[in-house]
Amino acid sequence: VKEAELIKLFTNSLRYIQFATANQFYMICENFGVDYTDYVQLKCVSKDQELVIFVNEEPAYSFKVPNPKSKIIGVCIFFEGTGSIKDIKLTGNAREVYSFGL
């Protein structure tokens, strides 16, 4: 019984420390002017076997696609750190194919 109580105490303590640490990092970032409610617009354009990634309509990264075009069967978005998605729109041949959250 003592072991179980100690495990619960340690587990809860670790959880509270994790929340407190995340809150402290959030407040530090706010002091540096980071606004987590300010979304950026990302856009990927594929043309002539080149993919260009735009951030707020400015080209940020591009690379040549070595393989010929093929069908997209899924989209995965990963974040390094904090991130969220407000809406998604996929278009092809000047028509909307899929939208979410718009």
N, C-alpha and C. Protein backbone atom coordinates (compact mmCIF):
# COMPACT_ATOMS: atom_id res chain seq x y z
N VAL A 1 0.83 -1.19 0.00
CA VAL A 1 0.00 0.00 0.00
C VAL A 1 0.88 1.26 0.00
N LYS A 2 1.94 1.24 0.78
CA LYS A 2 2.84 2.40 0.82
C LYS A 2 3.47 2.65 -0.53
N GLU A 3 3.86 1.57 -1.20
CA GLU A 3 4.49 1.70 -2.51
C GLU A 3 3.53 2.34 -3.51
N ALA A 4 2.28 1.90 -3.50
CA ALA A 4 1.28 2.44 -4.42
C ALA A 4 1.04 3.92 -4.14
N GLU A 5 0.98 4.30 -2.89
CA GLU A 5 0.78 5.71 -2.54
C GLU A 5 1.97 6.56 -2.99
N LEU A 6 3.18 6.04 -2.81
CA LEU A 6 4.36 6.77 -3.25
C LEU A 6 4.41 6.90 -4.76
N ILE A 7 4.06 5.83 -5.47
CA ILE A 7 4.04 5.89 -6.94
C ILE A 7 3.05 6.94 -7.40
N LYS A 8 1.86 6.97 -6.79
CA LYS A 8 0.84 7.97 -7.16
C LYS A 8 1.36 9.38 -6.86
N LEU A 9 1.99 9.56 -5.71
CA LEU A 9 2.54 10.86 -5.33
C LEU A 9 3.61 11.31 -6.33
N PHE A 10 4.53 10.41 -6.67
CA PHE A 10 5.60 10.76 -7.62
C PHE A 10 5.05 11.03 -9.02
N THR A 11 4.09 10.24 -9.44
CA THR A 11 3.48 10.43 -10.77
C THR A 11 2.77 11.77 -10.85
N ASN A 12 1.98 12.09 -9.82
CA ASN A 12 1.29 13.39 -9.81
C ASN A 12 2.28 14.54 -9.76
N SER A 13 3.34 14.39 -8.98
CA SER A 13 4.36 15.45 -8.88
C SER A 13 5.01 15.69 -10.24
N LEU A 14 5.36 14.61 -10.93
CA LEU A 14 5.97 14.74 -12.25
C LEU A 14 5.01 15.44 -13.22
N ARG A 15 3.76 15.09 -13.16
CA ARG A 15 2.76 15.71 -14.04
C ARG A 15 2.67 17.21 -13.77
N TYR A 16 2.61 17.61 -12.50
CA TYR A 16 2.53 19.02 -12.16
C TYR A 16 3.80 19.77 -12.58
N ILE A 17 4.95 19.13 -12.44
CA ILE A 17 6.21 19.74 -12.88
C ILE A 17 6.20 19.96 -14.39
N GLN A 18 5.68 18.98 -15.15
CA GLN A 18 5.61 19.13 -16.60
C GLN A 18 4.71 20.29 -17.00
N PHE A 19 3.54 20.40 -16.34
CA PHE A 19 2.64 21.52 -16.64
C PHE A 19 3.30 22.86 -16.29
N ALA A 20 3.93 22.92 -15.13
CA ALA A 20 4.56 24.16 -14.69
C ALA A 20 5.69 24.56 -15.64
N THR A 21 6.48 23.59 -16.09
CA THR A 21 7.57 23.87 -17.02
C THR A 21 7.03 24.40 -18.35
N ALA A 22 5.99 23.76 -18.86
CA ALA A 22 5.38 24.23 -20.12
C ALA A 22 4.84 25.64 -19.97
N ASN A 23 4.21 25.93 -18.84
CA ASN A 23 3.69 27.28 -18.61
C ASN A 23 4.80 28.31 -18.52
N GLN A 24 5.91 27.95 -17.88
CA GLN A 24 7.04 28.86 -17.79
C GLN A 24 7.63 29.15 -19.17
N PHE A 25 7.79 28.11 -20.00
CA PHE A 25 8.30 28.32 -21.36
C PHE A 25 7.35 29.21 -22.16
N TYR A 26 6.05 29.00 -21.98
CA TYR A 26 5.05 29.83 -22.67
C TYR A 26 5.22 31.30 -22.27
N MET A 27 5.37 31.57 -20.97
CA MET A 27 5.52 32.94 -20.49
C MET A 27 6.84 33.56 -20.97
N ILE A 28 7.90 32.76 -21.01
CA ILE A 28 9.18 33.26 -21.53
C ILE A 28 9.03 33.64 -23.00
N CYS A 29 8.38 32.78 -23.77
CA CYS A 29 8.18 33.08 -25.20
C CYS A 29 7.33 34.32 -25.38
N GLU A 30 6.28 34.48 -24.56
CA GLU A 30 5.46 35.69 -24.65
C GLU A 30 6.31 36.94 -24.39
N ASN A 31 7.24 36.86 -23.42
CA ASN A 31 8.10 38.00 -23.13
C ASN A 31 9.02 38.34 -24.30
N PHE A 32 9.32 37.37 -25.16
CA PHE A 32 10.12 37.61 -26.35
C PHE A 32 9.27 38.01 -27.55
N GLY A 33 7.95 38.13 -27.35
CA GLY A 33 7.07 38.59 -28.42
C GLY A 33 6.46 37.50 -29.27
N VAL A 34 6.56 36.25 -28.85
CA VAL A 34 5.95 35.15 -29.60
C VAL A 34 4.45 35.17 -29.34
N ASP A 35 3.65 35.15 -30.39
CA ASP A 35 2.19 35.14 -30.27
C ASP A 35 1.67 33.82 -30.83
N TYR A 36 1.24 32.95 -29.94
CA TYR A 36 0.77 31.63 -30.37
C TYR A 36 -0.59 31.67 -31.04
N THR A 37 -1.27 32.81 -30.99
CA THR A 37 -2.56 32.91 -31.67
C THR A 37 -2.40 33.45 -33.09
N ASP A 38 -1.19 33.82 -33.47
CA ASP A 38 -0.92 34.37 -34.80
C ASP A 38 -0.51 33.24 -35.74
N TYR A 39 -1.46 32.80 -36.57
CA TYR A 39 -1.18 31.72 -37.52
C TYR A 39 -0.38 32.24 -38.70
N VAL A 40 0.45 31.39 -39.27
CA VAL A 40 1.13 31.72 -40.52
C VAL A 40 0.48 30.89 -41.63
N GLN A 41 0.54 31.41 -42.83
CA GLN A 41 -0.02 30.71 -43.98
C GLN A 41 1.08 29.94 -44.68
N LEU A 42 0.91 28.64 -44.80
CA LEU A 42 1.84 27.80 -45.55
C LEU A 42 1.18 27.39 -46.85
N LYS A 43 1.95 27.41 -47.91
CA LYS A 43 1.44 26.99 -49.22
C LYS A 43 2.54 26.22 -49.92
N CYS A 44 2.18 25.07 -50.49
CA CYS A 44 3.10 24.26 -51.28
C CYS A 44 2.63 24.27 -52.71
N VAL A 45 3.52 24.60 -53.61
CA VAL A 45 3.19 24.64 -55.04
C VAL A 45 4.14 23.70 -55.76
N SER A 46 3.55 22.79 -56.53
CA SER A 46 4.33 21.84 -57.31
C SER A 46 4.11 22.13 -58.79
N LYS A 47 5.22 22.41 -59.49
CA LYS A 47 5.12 22.73 -60.91
C LYS A 47 6.45 22.37 -61.56
N ASP A 48 6.38 21.72 -62.71
CA ASP A 48 7.57 21.35 -63.47
C ASP A 48 8.60 20.60 -62.61
N GLN A 49 8.11 19.64 -61.85
CA GLN A 49 8.93 18.79 -60.97
C GLN A 49 9.76 19.59 -59.96
N GLU A 50 9.22 20.73 -59.51
CA GLU A 50 9.83 21.50 -58.44
C GLU A 50 8.74 21.82 -57.41
N LEU A 51 9.07 21.64 -56.13
CA LEU A 51 8.14 21.95 -55.05
C LEU A 51 8.66 23.20 -54.34
N VAL A 52 7.78 24.20 -54.23
CA VAL A 52 8.13 25.44 -53.55
C VAL A 52 7.20 25.59 -52.35
N ILE A 53 7.79 25.86 -51.18
CA ILE A 53 7.01 26.07 -49.97
C ILE A 53 7.05 27.55 -49.64
N PHE A 54 5.87 28.14 -49.48
CA PHE A 54 5.73 29.56 -49.18
C PHE A 54 5.27 29.72 -47.73
N VAL A 55 5.80 30.72 -47.04
CA VAL A 55 5.34 31.11 -45.71
C VAL A 55 4.85 32.54 -45.83
N ASN A 56 3.56 32.73 -45.56
CA ASN A 56 2.93 34.06 -45.72
C ASN A 56 3.22 34.65 -47.10
N GLU A 57 3.03 33.82 -48.12
CA GLU A 57 3.19 34.19 -49.54
C GLU A 57 4.63 34.48 -49.96
N GLU A 58 5.60 34.26 -49.09
CA GLU A 58 7.01 34.45 -49.44
C GLU A 58 7.66 33.08 -49.62
N PRO A 59 8.39 32.84 -50.72
CA PRO A 59 9.05 31.54 -50.88
C PRO A 59 10.08 31.31 -49.77
N ALA A 60 9.95 30.16 -49.10
CA ALA A 60 10.85 29.87 -47.99
C ALA A 60 11.78 28.71 -48.30
N TYR A 61 11.35 27.79 -49.16
CA TYR A 61 12.16 26.60 -49.45
C TYR A 61 11.68 26.00 -50.76
N SER A 62 12.62 25.50 -51.56
CA SER A 62 12.23 24.82 -52.79
C SER A 62 13.22 23.70 -53.07
N PHE A 63 12.74 22.70 -53.78
CA PHE A 63 13.62 21.61 -54.19
C PHE A 63 13.03 20.91 -55.40
N LYS A 64 13.92 20.30 -56.17
CA LYS A 64 13.50 19.54 -57.34
C LYS A 64 12.95 18.19 -56.90
N VAL A 65 11.86 17.78 -57.52
CA VAL A 65 11.26 16.48 -57.23
C VAL A 65 11.80 15.51 -58.28
N PRO A 66 12.58 14.50 -57.85
CA PRO A 66 13.25 13.63 -58.82
C PRO A 66 12.32 12.67 -59.56
N ASN A 67 11.23 12.31 -58.96
CA ASN A 67 10.32 11.34 -59.59
C ASN A 67 9.20 12.06 -60.32
N PRO A 68 8.64 11.44 -61.36
CA PRO A 68 7.51 12.06 -62.05
C PRO A 68 6.31 12.14 -61.12
N LYS A 69 5.37 13.02 -61.46
CA LYS A 69 4.21 13.22 -60.59
C LYS A 69 3.41 11.94 -60.41
N SER A 70 2.79 11.84 -59.26
CA SER A 70 1.94 10.70 -58.95
C SER A 70 0.80 11.18 -58.07
N LYS A 71 -0.09 10.29 -57.72
CA LYS A 71 -1.24 10.65 -56.90
C LYS A 71 -0.83 10.86 -55.45
N ILE A 72 -1.47 11.82 -54.81
CA ILE A 72 -1.29 12.02 -53.37
C ILE A 72 -2.29 11.10 -52.68
N ILE A 73 -1.79 10.26 -51.80
CA ILE A 73 -2.69 9.35 -51.10
C ILE A 73 -2.87 9.72 -49.63
N GLY A 74 -2.16 10.73 -49.18
CA GLY A 74 -2.31 11.18 -47.80
C GLY A 74 -1.39 12.35 -47.52
N VAL A 75 -1.73 13.11 -46.52
CA VAL A 75 -0.92 14.25 -46.12
C VAL A 75 -0.60 14.10 -44.63
N CYS A 76 0.66 14.20 -44.27
CA CYS A 76 1.08 14.16 -42.87
C CYS A 76 1.79 15.46 -42.56
N ILE A 77 1.44 16.05 -41.45
CA ILE A 77 2.07 17.29 -41.03
C ILE A 77 2.66 17.06 -39.64
N PHE A 78 3.94 17.32 -39.51
CA PHE A 78 4.64 17.14 -38.24
C PHE A 78 5.15 18.50 -37.77
N PHE A 79 5.15 18.70 -36.49
CA PHE A 79 5.65 19.93 -35.90
C PHE A 79 6.87 19.62 -35.04
N GLU A 80 7.86 20.48 -35.11
CA GLU A 80 8.96 20.44 -34.15
C GLU A 80 8.60 21.47 -33.10
N GLY A 81 8.10 21.03 -31.99
CA GLY A 81 7.62 21.94 -30.95
C GLY A 81 6.11 22.12 -31.08
N THR A 82 5.65 23.29 -30.67
CA THR A 82 4.22 23.57 -30.64
C THR A 82 3.70 23.87 -32.04
N GLY A 83 2.51 23.41 -32.33
CA GLY A 83 1.90 23.71 -33.61
C GLY A 83 0.45 23.31 -33.65
N SER A 84 -0.31 23.96 -34.50
CA SER A 84 -1.70 23.60 -34.72
C SER A 84 -2.09 24.01 -36.12
N ILE A 85 -3.18 23.46 -36.59
CA ILE A 85 -3.66 23.75 -37.94
C ILE A 85 -5.04 24.36 -37.84
N LYS A 86 -5.21 25.52 -38.45
CA LYS A 86 -6.50 26.20 -38.43
C LYS A 86 -7.39 25.72 -39.58
N ASP A 87 -6.84 25.62 -40.77
CA ASP A 87 -7.61 25.11 -41.91
C ASP A 87 -6.67 24.58 -42.99
N ILE A 88 -7.24 23.74 -43.86
CA ILE A 88 -6.48 23.13 -44.96
C ILE A 88 -7.32 23.24 -46.22
N LYS A 89 -6.65 23.56 -47.33
CA LYS A 89 -7.33 23.56 -48.63
C LYS A 89 -6.38 22.94 -49.64
N LEU A 90 -6.83 21.92 -50.33
CA LEU A 90 -6.05 21.29 -51.39
C LEU A 90 -6.72 21.60 -52.72
N THR A 91 -5.91 22.04 -53.69
CA THR A 91 -6.45 22.35 -55.00
C THR A 91 -5.64 21.62 -56.06
N GLY A 92 -6.26 21.40 -57.17
CA GLY A 92 -5.60 20.77 -58.30
C GLY A 92 -6.26 21.21 -59.59
N ASN A 93 -5.46 21.57 -60.57
CA ASN A 93 -5.98 22.04 -61.86
C ASN A 93 -6.99 23.17 -61.69
N ALA A 94 -6.63 24.13 -60.81
CA ALA A 94 -7.43 25.34 -60.57
C ALA A 94 -8.80 25.05 -59.97
N ARG A 95 -9.00 23.91 -59.35
CA ARG A 95 -10.26 23.65 -58.66
C ARG A 95 -9.97 23.08 -57.27
N GLU A 96 -10.88 23.38 -56.35
CA GLU A 96 -10.71 22.91 -54.98
C GLU A 96 -11.03 21.43 -54.89
N VAL A 97 -10.13 20.67 -54.32
CA VAL A 97 -10.30 19.23 -54.18
C VAL A 97 -10.78 18.88 -52.78
N TYR A 98 -10.25 19.57 -51.77
CA TYR A 98 -10.57 19.25 -50.39
C TYR A 98 -10.38 20.50 -49.53
N SER A 99 -11.28 20.72 -48.57
CA SER A 99 -11.07 21.81 -47.62
C SER A 99 -11.52 21.35 -46.25
N PHE A 100 -10.86 21.89 -45.22
CA PHE A 100 -11.17 21.56 -43.85
C PHE A 100 -11.03 22.81 -43.01
N GLY A 101 -12.05 23.14 -42.24
CA GLY A 101 -11.98 24.25 -41.31
C GLY A 101 -12.13 25.63 -41.91
N LEU A 102 -12.46 25.73 -43.17
CA LEU A 102 -12.61 27.05 -43.80
C LEU A 102 -13.98 27.60 -43.56
